[in-house]
């Protein structure tokens, strides 16, 4: 049986400091048992270069992607369910999307 964790808000993308990720790692360790399923949630402009970049990046990981568009089709919410062995794997993915402009990570 897999454990799932609550979403922890990371706010707007741009590079986070090492101390931020150390605190985030501690939160992840306290929020669930590892290994387990972690739910990533990202918001980007609908049909944008950022959405293409995000999907391409996540395709390198084995997980399930679901998409929802806003009512006015301006934004795309992408949820990525990923079985991670440790918080380090979760942080690796968040660090990996930092190159994408105009992304919100939740």
N, C-alpha and C. Protein backbone atom coordinates (compact mmCIF):
# COMPACT_ATOMS: atom_id res chain seq x y z
N UNK A 1 0.84 -1.18 0.00
CA UNK A 1 0.00 0.00 0.00
C UNK A 1 0.88 1.24 0.00
N UNK A 2 0.52 2.19 -0.85
CA UNK A 2 1.28 3.42 -0.97
C UNK A 2 0.76 4.49 -0.03
N UNK A 3 1.66 5.31 0.43
CA UNK A 3 1.29 6.48 1.22
C UNK A 3 1.28 7.68 0.31
N UNK A 4 0.39 8.60 0.52
CA UNK A 4 0.42 9.86 -0.21
C UNK A 4 0.65 10.98 0.78
N UNK A 5 1.17 12.06 0.29
CA UNK A 5 1.46 13.18 1.16
C UNK A 5 0.62 14.38 0.77
N UNK A 6 0.52 15.32 1.65
CA UNK A 6 -0.17 16.57 1.37
C UNK A 6 0.70 17.41 0.45
N UNK A 7 0.08 18.26 -0.32
CA UNK A 7 0.83 19.19 -1.15
C UNK A 7 1.44 20.26 -0.25
N UNK A 8 2.68 20.58 -0.50
CA UNK A 8 3.37 21.63 0.25
C UNK A 8 3.66 22.74 -0.75
N UNK A 9 3.15 23.92 -0.49
CA UNK A 9 3.29 25.02 -1.45
C UNK A 9 4.73 25.48 -1.56
N UNK A 10 5.18 25.61 -2.80
CA UNK A 10 6.52 26.11 -3.06
C UNK A 10 6.49 27.48 -3.72
N UNK A 11 5.32 28.02 -3.98
CA UNK A 11 5.12 29.32 -4.60
C UNK A 11 5.72 29.39 -6.00
N UNK A 12 6.04 30.61 -6.43
CA UNK A 12 6.59 30.77 -7.77
C UNK A 12 7.95 30.11 -7.87
N UNK A 13 8.23 29.66 -9.06
CA UNK A 13 9.42 28.90 -9.36
C UNK A 13 10.70 29.55 -8.87
N UNK A 14 11.39 30.17 -9.70
CA UNK A 14 12.74 30.66 -9.56
C UNK A 14 13.54 30.03 -8.44
N UNK A 15 14.79 29.90 -8.73
CA UNK A 15 15.70 29.14 -7.90
C UNK A 15 15.57 29.40 -6.42
N UNK A 16 15.42 28.31 -5.72
CA UNK A 16 15.33 28.35 -4.27
C UNK A 16 16.73 28.11 -3.70
N UNK A 17 16.97 28.61 -2.52
CA UNK A 17 18.27 28.44 -1.88
C UNK A 17 18.41 27.03 -1.32
N UNK A 18 19.64 26.67 -1.05
CA UNK A 18 19.90 25.36 -0.43
C UNK A 18 19.20 25.25 0.92
N UNK A 19 19.17 26.35 1.67
CA UNK A 19 18.52 26.30 2.98
C UNK A 19 17.02 26.08 2.84
N UNK A 20 16.41 26.64 1.78
CA UNK A 20 15.00 26.39 1.51
C UNK A 20 14.76 24.90 1.32
N UNK A 21 15.59 24.27 0.48
CA UNK A 21 15.41 22.86 0.21
C UNK A 21 15.72 21.98 1.42
N UNK A 22 16.60 22.40 2.29
CA UNK A 22 16.84 21.65 3.53
C UNK A 22 15.61 21.67 4.43
N UNK A 23 14.98 22.84 4.55
CA UNK A 23 13.74 22.95 5.33
C UNK A 23 12.62 22.13 4.69
N UNK A 24 12.53 22.20 3.36
CA UNK A 24 11.52 21.46 2.62
C UNK A 24 11.72 19.96 2.81
N UNK A 25 12.97 19.50 2.77
CA UNK A 25 13.28 18.09 3.00
C UNK A 25 12.80 17.64 4.37
N UNK A 26 13.04 18.46 5.39
CA UNK A 26 12.58 18.14 6.74
C UNK A 26 11.06 18.04 6.80
N UNK A 27 10.37 18.96 6.10
CA UNK A 27 8.90 18.90 6.05
C UNK A 27 8.43 17.62 5.38
N UNK A 28 9.09 17.24 4.32
CA UNK A 28 8.72 16.01 3.62
C UNK A 28 8.94 14.78 4.50
N UNK A 29 10.02 14.77 5.25
CA UNK A 29 10.30 13.64 6.15
C UNK A 29 9.22 13.52 7.22
N UNK A 30 8.71 14.66 7.69
CA UNK A 30 7.70 14.65 8.74
C UNK A 30 6.29 14.40 8.21
N UNK A 31 6.06 14.66 6.92
CA UNK A 31 4.70 14.61 6.39
C UNK A 31 4.24 13.23 5.95
N UNK A 32 5.17 12.32 5.74
CA UNK A 32 4.78 10.99 5.28
C UNK A 32 5.90 9.99 5.47
N UNK A 33 5.54 8.72 5.32
CA UNK A 33 6.53 7.64 5.35
C UNK A 33 7.13 7.50 3.95
N UNK A 34 8.40 7.16 3.91
CA UNK A 34 9.09 6.97 2.64
C UNK A 34 9.54 5.54 2.52
N UNK A 35 9.49 4.95 1.33
CA UNK A 35 9.06 5.51 0.07
C UNK A 35 7.55 5.70 0.03
N UNK A 36 7.09 6.52 -0.92
CA UNK A 36 5.67 6.77 -1.05
C UNK A 36 5.35 7.64 -2.24
N UNK A 37 4.07 7.79 -2.51
CA UNK A 37 3.62 8.60 -3.63
C UNK A 37 3.59 10.07 -3.21
N UNK A 38 4.16 10.91 -4.05
CA UNK A 38 4.14 12.34 -3.83
C UNK A 38 3.37 12.99 -4.99
N UNK A 39 2.50 13.92 -4.68
CA UNK A 39 1.72 14.62 -5.69
C UNK A 39 2.32 15.99 -5.95
N UNK A 40 2.84 16.17 -7.14
CA UNK A 40 3.33 17.47 -7.59
C UNK A 40 2.18 18.17 -8.28
N UNK A 41 2.10 19.47 -8.11
CA UNK A 41 1.09 20.25 -8.82
C UNK A 41 1.77 21.50 -9.36
N UNK A 42 1.59 21.70 -10.66
CA UNK A 42 2.19 22.84 -11.34
C UNK A 42 1.11 23.60 -12.10
N UNK A 43 1.28 24.92 -12.19
CA UNK A 43 0.37 25.74 -12.97
C UNK A 43 1.20 26.54 -13.98
N UNK A 44 0.78 26.43 -15.24
CA UNK A 44 1.44 27.17 -16.32
C UNK A 44 0.37 27.71 -17.25
N UNK A 45 0.74 28.58 -18.16
CA UNK A 45 -0.19 29.07 -19.17
C UNK A 45 -0.58 27.91 -20.08
N UNK A 46 -1.84 27.87 -20.45
CA UNK A 46 -2.36 26.82 -21.32
C UNK A 46 -1.71 26.92 -22.70
N UNK A 47 -1.35 25.78 -23.24
CA UNK A 47 -0.81 25.68 -24.60
C UNK A 47 0.40 26.59 -24.80
N UNK A 48 1.25 26.69 -23.80
CA UNK A 48 2.42 27.56 -23.86
C UNK A 48 3.69 26.72 -24.00
N UNK A 49 4.77 27.41 -24.26
CA UNK A 49 6.07 26.76 -24.30
C UNK A 49 6.39 26.14 -22.93
N UNK A 50 5.98 26.83 -21.86
CA UNK A 50 6.24 26.30 -20.51
C UNK A 50 5.52 24.97 -20.28
N UNK A 51 4.30 24.84 -20.77
CA UNK A 51 3.60 23.56 -20.58
C UNK A 51 4.28 22.45 -21.35
N UNK A 52 4.78 22.76 -22.53
CA UNK A 52 5.51 21.76 -23.33
C UNK A 52 6.81 21.36 -22.62
N UNK A 53 7.54 22.35 -22.10
CA UNK A 53 8.79 22.07 -21.39
C UNK A 53 8.53 21.20 -20.16
N UNK A 54 7.48 21.52 -19.42
CA UNK A 54 7.16 20.77 -18.20
C UNK A 54 6.82 19.33 -18.53
N UNK A 55 5.96 19.12 -19.52
CA UNK A 55 5.59 17.76 -19.90
C UNK A 55 6.79 16.97 -20.39
N UNK A 56 7.65 17.63 -21.16
CA UNK A 56 8.86 16.96 -21.66
C UNK A 56 9.77 16.56 -20.50
N UNK A 57 9.96 17.47 -19.55
CA UNK A 57 10.82 17.16 -18.40
C UNK A 57 10.26 15.99 -17.59
N UNK A 58 8.97 16.03 -17.29
CA UNK A 58 8.36 14.98 -16.47
C UNK A 58 8.29 13.64 -17.18
N UNK A 59 8.35 13.63 -18.50
CA UNK A 59 8.32 12.37 -19.23
C UNK A 59 9.54 11.51 -18.93
N UNK A 60 10.57 12.11 -18.36
CA UNK A 60 11.77 11.37 -17.97
C UNK A 60 11.60 10.59 -16.67
N UNK A 61 10.45 10.73 -16.03
CA UNK A 61 10.16 10.06 -14.76
C UNK A 61 8.93 9.17 -14.95
N UNK A 62 8.92 8.06 -14.25
CA UNK A 62 7.76 7.16 -14.32
C UNK A 62 6.74 7.62 -13.29
N UNK A 63 5.67 8.19 -13.80
CA UNK A 63 4.61 8.69 -12.95
C UNK A 63 3.38 8.96 -13.79
N UNK A 64 2.32 9.35 -13.13
CA UNK A 64 1.07 9.60 -13.82
C UNK A 64 0.79 11.09 -13.87
N UNK A 65 0.54 11.59 -15.07
CA UNK A 65 0.25 13.00 -15.28
C UNK A 65 -1.23 13.17 -15.57
N UNK A 66 -1.86 14.10 -14.87
CA UNK A 66 -3.23 14.49 -15.20
C UNK A 66 -3.24 16.00 -15.42
N UNK A 67 -4.08 16.42 -16.34
CA UNK A 67 -4.15 17.84 -16.70
C UNK A 67 -5.56 18.35 -16.56
N UNK A 68 -5.68 19.59 -16.13
CA UNK A 68 -6.96 20.30 -16.09
C UNK A 68 -6.71 21.71 -16.60
N UNK A 69 -7.60 22.15 -17.45
CA UNK A 69 -7.50 23.53 -17.94
C UNK A 69 -8.50 24.39 -17.20
N UNK A 70 -8.14 25.66 -17.07
CA UNK A 70 -9.07 26.60 -16.43
C UNK A 70 -10.28 26.80 -17.34
N UNK A 71 -11.34 27.30 -16.77
CA UNK A 71 -12.59 27.48 -17.51
C UNK A 71 -12.38 28.34 -18.76
N UNK A 72 -11.56 29.37 -18.62
CA UNK A 72 -11.32 30.27 -19.75
C UNK A 72 -10.14 29.83 -20.63
N UNK A 73 -9.58 28.66 -20.33
CA UNK A 73 -8.46 28.06 -21.07
C UNK A 73 -7.22 28.96 -21.11
N UNK A 74 -7.01 29.68 -20.02
CA UNK A 74 -5.79 30.49 -19.92
C UNK A 74 -4.68 29.73 -19.20
N UNK A 75 -5.06 28.83 -18.29
CA UNK A 75 -4.07 28.12 -17.48
C UNK A 75 -4.26 26.62 -17.53
N UNK A 76 -3.16 25.92 -17.33
CA UNK A 76 -3.16 24.47 -17.26
C UNK A 76 -2.63 24.08 -15.89
N UNK A 77 -3.38 23.24 -15.20
CA UNK A 77 -2.90 22.68 -13.94
C UNK A 77 -2.49 21.25 -14.25
N UNK A 78 -1.24 20.95 -13.97
CA UNK A 78 -0.71 19.63 -14.22
C UNK A 78 -0.37 18.98 -12.88
N UNK A 79 -0.96 17.83 -12.63
CA UNK A 79 -0.68 17.06 -11.42
C UNK A 79 0.14 15.85 -11.81
N UNK A 80 1.22 15.62 -11.09
CA UNK A 80 2.12 14.51 -11.39
C UNK A 80 2.22 13.64 -10.14
N UNK A 81 1.72 12.43 -10.24
CA UNK A 81 1.77 11.47 -9.14
C UNK A 81 2.99 10.59 -9.35
N UNK A 82 3.92 10.64 -8.39
CA UNK A 82 5.21 9.97 -8.56
C UNK A 82 5.56 9.17 -7.31
N UNK A 83 5.97 7.93 -7.50
CA UNK A 83 6.40 7.09 -6.39
C UNK A 83 7.88 7.39 -6.13
N UNK A 84 8.16 8.07 -5.04
CA UNK A 84 9.52 8.49 -4.71
C UNK A 84 10.07 7.64 -3.57
N UNK A 85 11.34 7.29 -3.68
CA UNK A 85 11.99 6.53 -2.63
C UNK A 85 12.34 7.40 -1.42
N UNK A 86 12.53 8.70 -1.66
CA UNK A 86 12.94 9.59 -0.58
C UNK A 86 12.60 11.04 -0.94
N UNK A 87 12.65 11.92 0.05
CA UNK A 87 12.45 13.34 -0.24
C UNK A 87 13.47 13.89 -1.25
N UNK A 88 14.65 13.30 -1.30
CA UNK A 88 15.66 13.77 -2.25
C UNK A 88 15.18 13.66 -3.69
N UNK A 89 14.41 12.61 -4.00
CA UNK A 89 13.87 12.47 -5.35
C UNK A 89 12.83 13.55 -5.65
N UNK A 90 12.04 13.90 -4.66
CA UNK A 90 11.04 14.96 -4.83
C UNK A 90 11.75 16.29 -5.10
N UNK A 91 12.76 16.58 -4.33
CA UNK A 91 13.52 17.82 -4.48
C UNK A 91 14.22 17.85 -5.83
N UNK A 92 14.71 16.72 -6.28
CA UNK A 92 15.37 16.64 -7.59
C UNK A 92 14.41 17.09 -8.71
N UNK A 93 13.17 16.67 -8.62
CA UNK A 93 12.20 17.06 -9.64
C UNK A 93 11.90 18.56 -9.55
N UNK A 94 11.68 19.07 -8.33
CA UNK A 94 11.43 20.51 -8.19
C UNK A 94 12.62 21.32 -8.71
N UNK A 95 13.82 20.90 -8.41
CA UNK A 95 15.00 21.62 -8.90
C UNK A 95 15.08 21.53 -10.42
N UNK A 96 14.63 20.40 -10.96
CA UNK A 96 14.69 20.20 -12.40
C UNK A 96 13.75 21.09 -13.19
N UNK A 97 12.68 21.57 -12.57
CA UNK A 97 11.74 22.44 -13.30
C UNK A 97 12.06 23.92 -13.09
N UNK A 98 13.09 24.22 -12.34
CA UNK A 98 13.43 25.62 -12.07
C UNK A 98 13.82 26.39 -13.33
N UNK A 99 14.23 25.68 -14.37
CA UNK A 99 14.62 26.35 -15.61
C UNK A 99 13.41 26.86 -16.40
N UNK A 100 12.21 26.42 -16.05
CA UNK A 100 11.01 26.79 -16.78
C UNK A 100 10.49 28.13 -16.26
N UNK A 101 10.37 29.10 -17.17
CA UNK A 101 9.84 30.41 -16.80
C UNK A 101 8.34 30.34 -16.57
N UNK A 102 7.84 31.24 -15.76
CA UNK A 102 6.40 31.41 -15.55
C UNK A 102 5.70 30.11 -15.14
N UNK A 103 6.27 29.44 -14.16
CA UNK A 103 5.66 28.23 -13.61
C UNK A 103 5.40 28.45 -12.14
N UNK A 104 4.28 27.94 -11.68
CA UNK A 104 3.98 27.98 -10.24
C UNK A 104 3.97 26.54 -9.77
N UNK A 105 4.74 26.26 -8.74
CA UNK A 105 4.83 24.93 -8.14
C UNK A 105 4.09 24.94 -6.82
N UNK A 106 3.22 23.99 -6.63
CA UNK A 106 2.49 23.87 -5.37
C UNK A 106 2.96 22.64 -4.63
